[in-house]
Amino acid sequence: MKTFGRAAWPELLGALEGIESVALRKGALHVFLNQQESGYDDLLVPLMSALELVARPESASLLAQKLLARMSENTWSAG
C-alpha cells in the first residue's frame, strides 16, 4: 500500500477507526512512515506516534477520524 501513497490514505484511515489490531497498526505505521502532505503534517506526525505499539489504540483511531474529516473538507483528490 505504501506504493499507492496518499491514494491509499482514505481506505487505511477508515480501517483504523475503532480497530485495535496490532498488525493493522504496524502496517499503517509502515505505510505512513516518511509520507508528508502539505496541510496534513500536523496530524500525520501525531498519527505516527499514536500508531506506535506503546500508544493507546484509540489515539490512532481519533487521529484517523480527524485526518479523514480534513480530507473531506478539503475535497481531497488522490494523486
PDB file of N, CA and C in Angstrom:
ATOM      1  N   MET A   1       0.809  -1.198   0.000  1.00  0.00           N
ATOM      2  CA  MET A   1       0.000   0.000   0.000  1.00  0.00           C
ATOM      3  C   MET A   1       0.853   1.262   0.000  1.00  0.00           C
ATOM      4  N   LYS A   2       2.054   1.163   0.510  1.00  0.00           N
ATOM      5  CA  LYS A   2       2.913   2.338   0.542  1.00  0.00           C
ATOM      6  C   LYS A   2       3.164   2.864  -0.868  1.00  0.00           C
ATOM      7  N   THR A   3       3.185   1.963  -1.830  1.00  0.00           N
ATOM      8  CA  THR A   3       3.405   2.332  -3.225  1.00  0.00           C
ATOM      9  C   THR A   3       2.312   3.266  -3.735  1.00  0.00           C
ATOM     10  N   PHE A   4       1.100   3.104  -3.233  1.00  0.00           N
ATOM     11  CA  PHE A   4      -0.024   3.917  -3.681  1.00  0.00           C
ATOM     12  C   PHE A   4      -0.020   5.313  -3.072  1.00  0.00           C
ATOM     13  N   GLY A   5       0.822   5.532  -2.070  1.00  0.00           N
ATOM     14  CA  GLY A   5       0.933   6.852  -1.457  1.00  0.00           C
ATOM     15  C   GLY A   5      -0.383   7.335  -0.896  1.00  0.00           C
ATOM     16  N   ARG A   6      -0.645   8.598  -1.092  1.00  0.00           N
ATOM     17  CA  ARG A   6      -1.828   9.204  -0.479  1.00  0.00           C
ATOM     18  C   ARG A   6      -3.140   8.666  -1.033  1.00  0.00           C
ATOM     19  N   ALA A   7      -3.106   8.017  -2.176  1.00  0.00           N
ATOM     20  CA  ALA A   7      -4.330   7.411  -2.707  1.00  0.00           C
ATOM     21  C   ALA A   7      -4.846   6.311  -1.772  1.00  0.00           C
ATOM     22  N   ALA A   8      -3.957   5.716  -0.993  1.00  0.00           N
ATOM     23  CA  ALA A   8      -4.334   4.651  -0.063  1.00  0.00           C
ATOM     24  C   ALA A   8      -4.821   5.190   1.279  1.00  0.00           C
ATOM     25  N   TRP A   9      -4.596   6.462   1.539  1.00  0.00           N
ATOM     26  CA  TRP A   9      -4.923   7.019   2.848  1.00  0.00           C
ATOM     27  C   TRP A   9      -6.378   6.833   3.268  1.00  0.00           C
ATOM     28  N   PRO A  10      -7.353   7.213   2.460  1.00  0.00           N
ATOM     29  CA  PRO A  10      -8.737   7.118   2.935  1.00  0.00           C
ATOM     30  C   PRO A  10      -9.127   5.703   3.364  1.00  0.00           C
ATOM     31  N   GLU A  11      -8.756   4.724   2.581  1.00  0.00           N
ATOM     32  CA  GLU A  11      -9.097   3.339   2.919  1.00  0.00           C
ATOM     33  C   GLU A  11      -8.416   2.901   4.211  1.00  0.00           C
ATOM     34  N   LEU A  12      -7.146   3.204   4.326  1.00  0.00           N
ATOM     35  CA  LEU A  12      -6.387   2.808   5.507  1.00  0.00           C
ATOM     36  C   LEU A  12      -6.857   3.561   6.744  1.00  0.00           C
ATOM     37  N   LEU A  13      -7.084   4.857   6.627  1.00  0.00           N
ATOM     38  CA  LEU A  13      -7.577   5.638   7.764  1.00  0.00           C
ATOM     39  C   LEU A  13      -8.942   5.135   8.207  1.00  0.00           C
ATOM     40  N   GLY A  14      -9.784   4.790   7.255  1.00  0.00           N
ATOM     41  CA  GLY A  14     -11.092   4.243   7.590  1.00  0.00           C
ATOM     42  C   GLY A  14     -10.978   2.928   8.343  1.00  0.00           C
ATOM     43  N   ALA A  15     -10.012   2.105   7.960  1.00  0.00           N
ATOM     44  CA  ALA A  15      -9.794   0.824   8.630  1.00  0.00           C
ATOM     45  C   ALA A  15      -9.304   1.009  10.065  1.00  0.00           C
ATOM     46  N   LEU A  16      -8.637   2.122  10.343  1.00  0.00           N
ATOM     47  CA  LEU A  16      -8.105   2.364  11.685  1.00  0.00           C
ATOM     48  C   LEU A  16      -9.175   2.800  12.678  1.00  0.00           C
ATOM     49  N   GLU A  17     -10.319   3.213  12.198  1.00  0.00           N
ATOM     50  CA  GLU A  17     -11.371   3.697  13.088  1.00  0.00           C
ATOM     51  C   GLU A  17     -11.930   2.555  13.925  1.00  0.00           C
ATOM     52  N   GLY A  18     -11.746   2.656  15.228  1.00  0.00           N
ATOM     53  CA  GLY A  18     -12.309   1.687  16.147  1.00  0.00           C
ATOM     54  C   GLY A  18     -11.607   0.343  16.175  1.00  0.00           C
ATOM     55  N   ILE A  19     -10.487   0.208  15.501  1.00  0.00           N
ATOM     56  CA  ILE A  19      -9.773  -1.072  15.434  1.00  0.00           C
ATOM     57  C   ILE A  19      -8.568  -1.032  16.372  1.00  0.00           C
ATOM     58  N   GLU A  20      -8.358  -2.126  17.068  1.00  0.00           N
ATOM     59  CA  GLU A  20      -7.213  -2.214  17.972  1.00  0.00           C
ATOM     60  C   GLU A  20      -6.214  -3.268  17.517  1.00  0.00           C
ATOM     61  N   SER A  21      -6.261  -3.660  16.276  1.00  0.00           N
ATOM     62  CA  SER A  21      -5.386  -4.694  15.745  1.00  0.00           C
ATOM     63  C   SER A  21      -3.932  -4.225  15.725  1.00  0.00           C
ATOM     64  N   VAL A  22      -3.072  -4.994  16.359  1.00  0.00           N
ATOM     65  CA  VAL A  22      -1.645  -4.685  16.380  1.00  0.00           C
ATOM     66  C   VAL A  22      -1.077  -4.766  14.967  1.00  0.00           C
ATOM     67  N   ALA A  23      -1.494  -5.785  14.215  1.00  0.00           N
ATOM     68  CA  ALA A  23      -0.995  -5.953  12.849  1.00  0.00           C
ATOM     69  C   ALA A  23      -1.399  -4.772  11.966  1.00  0.00           C
ATOM     70  N   LEU A  24      -2.635  -4.297  12.107  1.00  0.00           N
ATOM     71  CA  LEU A  24      -3.087  -3.158  11.315  1.00  0.00           C
ATOM     72  C   LEU A  24      -2.322  -1.895  11.696  1.00  0.00           C
ATOM     73  N   ARG A  25      -2.095  -1.687  12.987  1.00  0.00           N
ATOM     74  CA  ARG A  25      -1.336  -0.516  13.425  1.00  0.00           C
ATOM     75  C   ARG A  25       0.089  -0.543  12.884  1.00  0.00           C
ATOM     76  N   LYS A  26       0.723  -1.713  12.932  1.00  0.00           N
ATOM     77  CA  LYS A  26       2.086  -1.833  12.407  1.00  0.00           C
ATOM     78  C   LYS A  26       2.109  -1.582  10.900  1.00  0.00           C
ATOM     79  N   GLY A  27       1.135  -2.124  10.193  1.00  0.00           N
ATOM     80  CA  GLY A  27       1.052  -1.921   8.752  1.00  0.00           C
ATOM     81  C   GLY A  27       0.802  -0.471   8.391  1.00  0.00           C
ATOM     82  N   ALA A  28      -0.095   0.168   9.134  1.00  0.00           N
ATOM     83  CA  ALA A  28      -0.400   1.577   8.887  1.00  0.00           C
ATOM     84  C   ALA A  28       0.826   2.440   9.161  1.00  0.00           C
ATOM     85  N   LEU A  29       1.546   2.129  10.216  1.00  0.00           N
ATOM     86  CA  LEU A  29       2.771   2.878  10.524  1.00  0.00           C
ATOM     87  C   LEU A  29       3.750   2.762   9.367  1.00  0.00           C
ATOM     88  N   HIS A  30       3.892   1.583   8.815  1.00  0.00           N
ATOM     89  CA  HIS A  30       4.790   1.364   7.675  1.00  0.00           C
ATOM     90  C   HIS A  30       4.344   2.204   6.471  1.00  0.00           C
ATOM     91  N   VAL A  31       3.044   2.234   6.214  1.00  0.00           N
ATOM     92  CA  VAL A  31       2.519   2.986   5.069  1.00  0.00           C
ATOM     93  C   VAL A  31       2.733   4.480   5.249  1.00  0.00           C
ATOM     94  N   PHE A  32       2.444   5.002   6.430  1.00  0.00           N
ATOM     95  CA  PHE A  32       2.527   6.450   6.649  1.00  0.00           C
ATOM     96  C   PHE A  32       3.943   6.943   6.931  1.00  0.00           C
ATOM     97  N   LEU A  33       4.858   6.040   7.215  1.00  0.00           N
ATOM     98  CA  LEU A  33       6.233   6.422   7.506  1.00  0.00           C
ATOM     99  C   LEU A  33       6.830   7.207   6.342  1.00  0.00           C
ATOM    100  N   ASN A  34       7.383   8.346   6.645  1.00  0.00           N
ATOM    101  CA  ASN A  34       8.046   9.231   5.679  1.00  0.00           C
ATOM    102  C   ASN A  34       7.116   9.860   4.643  1.00  0.00           C
ATOM    103  N   GLN A  35       5.816   9.758   4.835  1.00  0.00           N
ATOM    104  CA  GLN A  35       4.897  10.434   3.926  1.00  0.00           C
ATOM    105  C   GLN A  35       4.597  11.812   4.505  1.00  0.00           C
ATOM    106  N   GLN A  36       4.600  12.787   3.645  1.00  0.00           N
ATOM    107  CA  GLN A  36       4.310  14.157   4.046  1.00  0.00           C
ATOM    108  C   GLN A  36       3.323  14.737   3.050  1.00  0.00           C
ATOM    109  N   GLU A  37       2.475  15.599   3.540  1.00  0.00           N
ATOM    110  CA  GLU A  37       1.493  16.226   2.674  1.00  0.00           C
ATOM    111  C   GLU A  37       1.148  17.579   3.266  1.00  0.00           C
ATOM    112  N   SER A  38       1.327  18.608   2.484  1.00  0.00           N
ATOM    113  CA  SER A  38       1.023  19.955   2.938  1.00  0.00           C
ATOM    114  C   SER A  38      -0.424  20.028   3.410  1.00  0.00           C
ATOM    115  N   GLY A  39      -0.617  20.598   4.577  1.00  0.00           N
ATOM    116  CA  GLY A  39      -1.953  20.732   5.143  1.00  0.00           C
ATOM    117  C   GLY A  39      -2.370  19.551   6.002  1.00  0.00           C
ATOM    118  N   TYR A  40      -1.537  18.522   6.061  1.00  0.00           N
ATOM    119  CA  TYR A  40      -1.876  17.329   6.831  1.00  0.00           C
ATOM    120  C   TYR A  40      -0.773  16.916   7.802  1.00  0.00           C
ATOM    121  N   ASP A  41       0.400  17.500   7.668  1.00  0.00           N
ATOM    122  CA  ASP A  41       1.530  17.094   8.504  1.00  0.00           C
ATOM    123  C   ASP A  41       1.259  17.264   9.994  1.00  0.00           C
ATOM    124  N   ASP A  42       0.449  18.263  10.350  1.00  0.00           N
ATOM    125  CA  ASP A  42       0.155  18.481  11.766  1.00  0.00           C
ATOM    126  C   ASP A  42      -0.638  17.323  12.365  1.00  0.00           C
ATOM    127  N   LEU A  43      -1.291  16.526  11.538  1.00  0.00           N
ATOM    128  CA  LEU A  43      -1.986  15.335  12.016  1.00  0.00           C
ATOM    129  C   LEU A  43      -1.205  14.056  11.731  1.00  0.00           C
ATOM    130  N   LEU A  44      -0.398  14.053  10.673  1.00  0.00           N
ATOM    131  CA  LEU A  44       0.386  12.862  10.346  1.00  0.00           C
ATOM    132  C   LEU A  44       1.450  12.568  11.399  1.00  0.00           C
ATOM    133  N   VAL A  45       2.099  13.606  11.895  1.00  0.00           N
ATOM    134  CA  VAL A  45       3.162  13.395  12.890  1.00  0.00           C
ATOM    135  C   VAL A  45       2.590  12.754  14.161  1.00  0.00           C
ATOM    136  N   PRO A  46       1.506  13.301  14.728  1.00  0.00           N
ATOM    137  CA  PRO A  46       0.946  12.633  15.907  1.00  0.00           C
ATOM    138  C   PRO A  46       0.359  11.244  15.589  1.00  0.00           C
ATOM    139  N   LEU A  47      -0.136  11.060  14.359  1.00  0.00           N
ATOM    140  CA  LEU A  47      -0.647   9.745  13.986  1.00  0.00           C
ATOM    141  C   LEU A  47       0.471   8.712  14.051  1.00  0.00           C
ATOM    142  N   MET A  48       1.654   9.085  13.590  1.00  0.00           N
ATOM    143  CA  MET A  48       2.795   8.168  13.645  1.00  0.00           C
ATOM    144  C   MET A  48       3.074   7.754  15.088  1.00  0.00           C
ATOM    145  N   SER A  49       3.052   8.717  15.986  1.00  0.00           N
ATOM    146  CA  SER A  49       3.276   8.402  17.402  1.00  0.00           C
ATOM    147  C   SER A  49       2.166   7.517  17.942  1.00  0.00           C
ATOM    148  N   ALA A  50       0.937   7.793  17.538  1.00  0.00           N
ATOM    149  CA  ALA A  50      -0.204   7.017  18.021  1.00  0.00           C
ATOM    150  C   ALA A  50      -0.195   5.590  17.490  1.00  0.00           C
ATOM    151  N   LEU A  51       0.422   5.371  16.343  1.00  0.00           N
ATOM    152  CA  LEU A  51       0.490   4.023  15.779  1.00  0.00           C
ATOM    153  C   LEU A  51       1.575   3.171  16.412  1.00  0.00           C
ATOM    154  N   GLU A  52       2.471   3.804  17.163  1.00  0.00           N
ATOM    155  CA  GLU A  52       3.499   3.046  17.870  1.00  0.00           C
ATOM    156  C   GLU A  52       2.807   2.103  18.850  1.00  0.00           C
ATOM    157  N   LEU A  53       3.359   0.947  19.041  1.00  0.00           N
ATOM    158  CA  LEU A  53       2.710  -0.068  19.870  1.00  0.00           C
ATOM    159  C   LEU A  53       2.575   0.331  21.334  1.00  0.00           C
ATOM    160  N   VAL A  54       3.345   1.310  21.784  1.00  0.00           N
ATOM    161  CA  VAL A  54       3.250   1.737  23.184  1.00  0.00           C
ATOM    162  C   VAL A  54       2.098   2.716  23.406  1.00  0.00           C
ATOM    163  N   ALA A  55       1.549   3.255  22.335  1.00  0.00           N
ATOM    164  CA  ALA A  55       0.454   4.220  22.450  1.00  0.00           C
ATOM    165  C   ALA A  55      -0.884   3.498  22.605  1.00  0.00           C
ATOM    166  N   ARG A  56      -1.858   4.210  23.113  1.00  0.00           N
ATOM    167  CA  ARG A  56      -3.197   3.648  23.241  1.00  0.00           C
ATOM    168  C   ARG A  56      -3.843   3.564  21.856  1.00  0.00           C
ATOM    169  N   PRO A  57      -4.457   2.439  21.509  1.00  0.00           N
ATOM    170  CA  PRO A  57      -5.044   2.254  20.177  1.00  0.00           C
ATOM    171  C   PRO A  57      -6.076   3.313  19.814  1.00  0.00           C
ATOM    172  N   GLU A  58      -6.835   3.790  20.791  1.00  0.00           N
ATOM    173  CA  GLU A  58      -7.869   4.780  20.488  1.00  0.00           C
ATOM    174  C   GLU A  58      -7.278   6.117  20.034  1.00  0.00           C
ATOM    175  N   SER A  59      -6.036   6.377  20.368  1.00  0.00           N
ATOM    176  CA  SER A  59      -5.374   7.603  19.898  1.00  0.00           C
ATOM    177  C   SER A  59      -5.257   7.593  18.383  1.00  0.00           C
ATOM    178  N   ALA A  60      -4.856   6.471  17.820  1.00  0.00           N
ATOM    179  CA  ALA A  60      -4.724   6.355  16.367  1.00  0.00           C
ATOM    180  C   ALA A  60      -6.082   6.476  15.698  1.00  0.00           C
ATOM    181  N   SER A  61      -7.094   5.879  16.298  1.00  0.00           N
ATOM    182  CA  SER A  61      -8.434   5.939  15.734  1.00  0.00           C
ATOM    183  C   SER A  61      -8.946   7.375  15.686  1.00  0.00           C
ATOM    184  N   LEU A  62      -8.743   8.122  16.750  1.00  0.00           N
ATOM    185  CA  LEU A  62      -9.186   9.517  16.803  1.00  0.00           C
ATOM    186  C   LEU A  62      -8.470  10.361  15.753  1.00  0.00           C
ATOM    187  N   LEU A  63      -7.178  10.185  15.628  1.00  0.00           N
ATOM    188  CA  LEU A  63      -6.409  10.943  14.629  1.00  0.00           C
ATOM    189  C   LEU A  63      -6.797  10.540  13.211  1.00  0.00           C
ATOM    190  N   ALA A  64      -7.085   9.271  13.001  1.00  0.00           N
ATOM    191  CA  ALA A  64      -7.536   8.809  11.682  1.00  0.00           C
ATOM    192  C   ALA A  64      -8.848   9.505  11.314  1.00  0.00           C
ATOM    193  N   GLN A  65      -9.756   9.613  12.278  1.00  0.00           N
ATOM    194  CA  GLN A  65     -11.027  10.298  12.042  1.00  0.00           C
ATOM    195  C   GLN A  65     -10.804  11.766  11.687  1.00  0.00           C
ATOM    196  N   LYS A  66      -9.880  12.424  12.397  1.00  0.00           N
ATOM    197  CA  LYS A  66      -9.583  13.831  12.124  1.00  0.00           C
ATOM    198  C   LYS A  66      -8.993  14.018  10.725  1.00  0.00           C
ATOM    199  N   LEU A  67      -8.086  13.116  10.346  1.00  0.00           N
ATOM    200  CA  LEU A  67      -7.496  13.192   9.005  1.00  0.00           C
ATOM    201  C   LEU A  67      -8.554  12.993   7.924  1.00  0.00           C
ATOM    202  N   LEU A  68      -9.422  12.014   8.115  1.00  0.00           N
ATOM    203  CA  LEU A  68     -10.496  11.778   7.146  1.00  0.00           C
ATOM    204  C   LEU A  68     -11.417  12.987   7.034  1.00  0.00           C
ATOM    205  N   ALA A  69     -11.729  13.599   8.169  1.00  0.00           N
ATOM    206  CA  ALA A  69     -12.599  14.784   8.163  1.00  0.00           C
ATOM    207  C   ALA A  69     -11.935  15.922   7.398  1.00  0.00           C
ATOM    208  N   ARG A  70     -10.649  16.143   7.632  1.00  0.00           N
ATOM    209  CA  ARG A  70      -9.947  17.217   6.932  1.00  0.00           C
ATOM    210  C   ARG A  70      -9.876  16.928   5.437  1.00  0.00           C
ATOM    211  N   MET A  71      -9.624  15.676   5.090  1.00  0.00           N
ATOM    212  CA  MET A  71      -9.569  15.309   3.676  1.00  0.00           C
ATOM    213  C   MET A  71     -10.917  15.586   3.012  1.00  0.00           C
ATOM    214  N   SER A  72     -11.986  15.277   3.713  1.00  0.00           N
ATOM    215  CA  SER A  72     -13.323  15.513   3.186  1.00  0.00           C
ATOM    216  C   SER A  72     -13.602  17.009   3.034  1.00  0.00           C
ATOM    217  N   GLU A  73     -13.200  17.787   4.031  1.00  0.00           N
ATOM    218  CA  GLU A  73     -13.393  19.241   3.993  1.00  0.00           C
ATOM    219  C   GLU A  73     -12.625  19.886   2.833  1.00  0.00           C
ATOM    220  N   ASN A  74     -11.466  19.354   2.543  1.00  0.00           N
ATOM    221  CA  ASN A  74     -10.616  19.924   1.504  1.00  0.00           C
ATOM    222  C   ASN A  74     -10.864  19.288   0.147  1.00  0.00           C
ATOM    223  N   THR A  75     -11.980  18.609   0.004  1.00  0.00           N
ATOM    224  CA  THR A  75     -12.285  17.885  -1.233  1.00  0.00           C
ATOM    225  C   THR A  75     -11.035  17.194  -1.763  1.00  0.00           C
ATOM    226  N   TRP A  76     -10.549  16.275  -0.953  1.00  0.00           N
ATOM    227  CA  TRP A  76      -9.327  15.502  -1.202  1.00  0.00           C
ATOM    228  C   TRP A  76      -9.329  14.912  -2.601  1.00  0.00           C
ATOM    229  N   SER A  77      -8.244  15.078  -3.272  1.00  0.00           N
ATOM    230  CA  SER A  77      -8.070  14.398  -4.553  1.00  0.00           C
ATOM    231  C   SER A  77      -6.801  13.597  -4.503  1.00  0.00           C
ATOM    232  N   ALA A  78      -6.906  12.323  -4.739  1.00  0.00           N
ATOM    233  CA  ALA A  78      -5.736  11.445  -4.718  1.00  0.00           C
ATOM    234  C   ALA A  78      -4.900  11.698  -5.953  1.00  0.00           C
ATOM    235  N   GLY A  79      -3.602  11.558  -5.723  1.00  0.00           N
ATOM    236  CA  GLY A  79      -2.733  11.697  -6.891  1.00  0.00           C
ATOM    237  C   GLY A  79      -1.381  12.189  -6.588  1.00  0.00           C
TER     238      GLY A  79
END
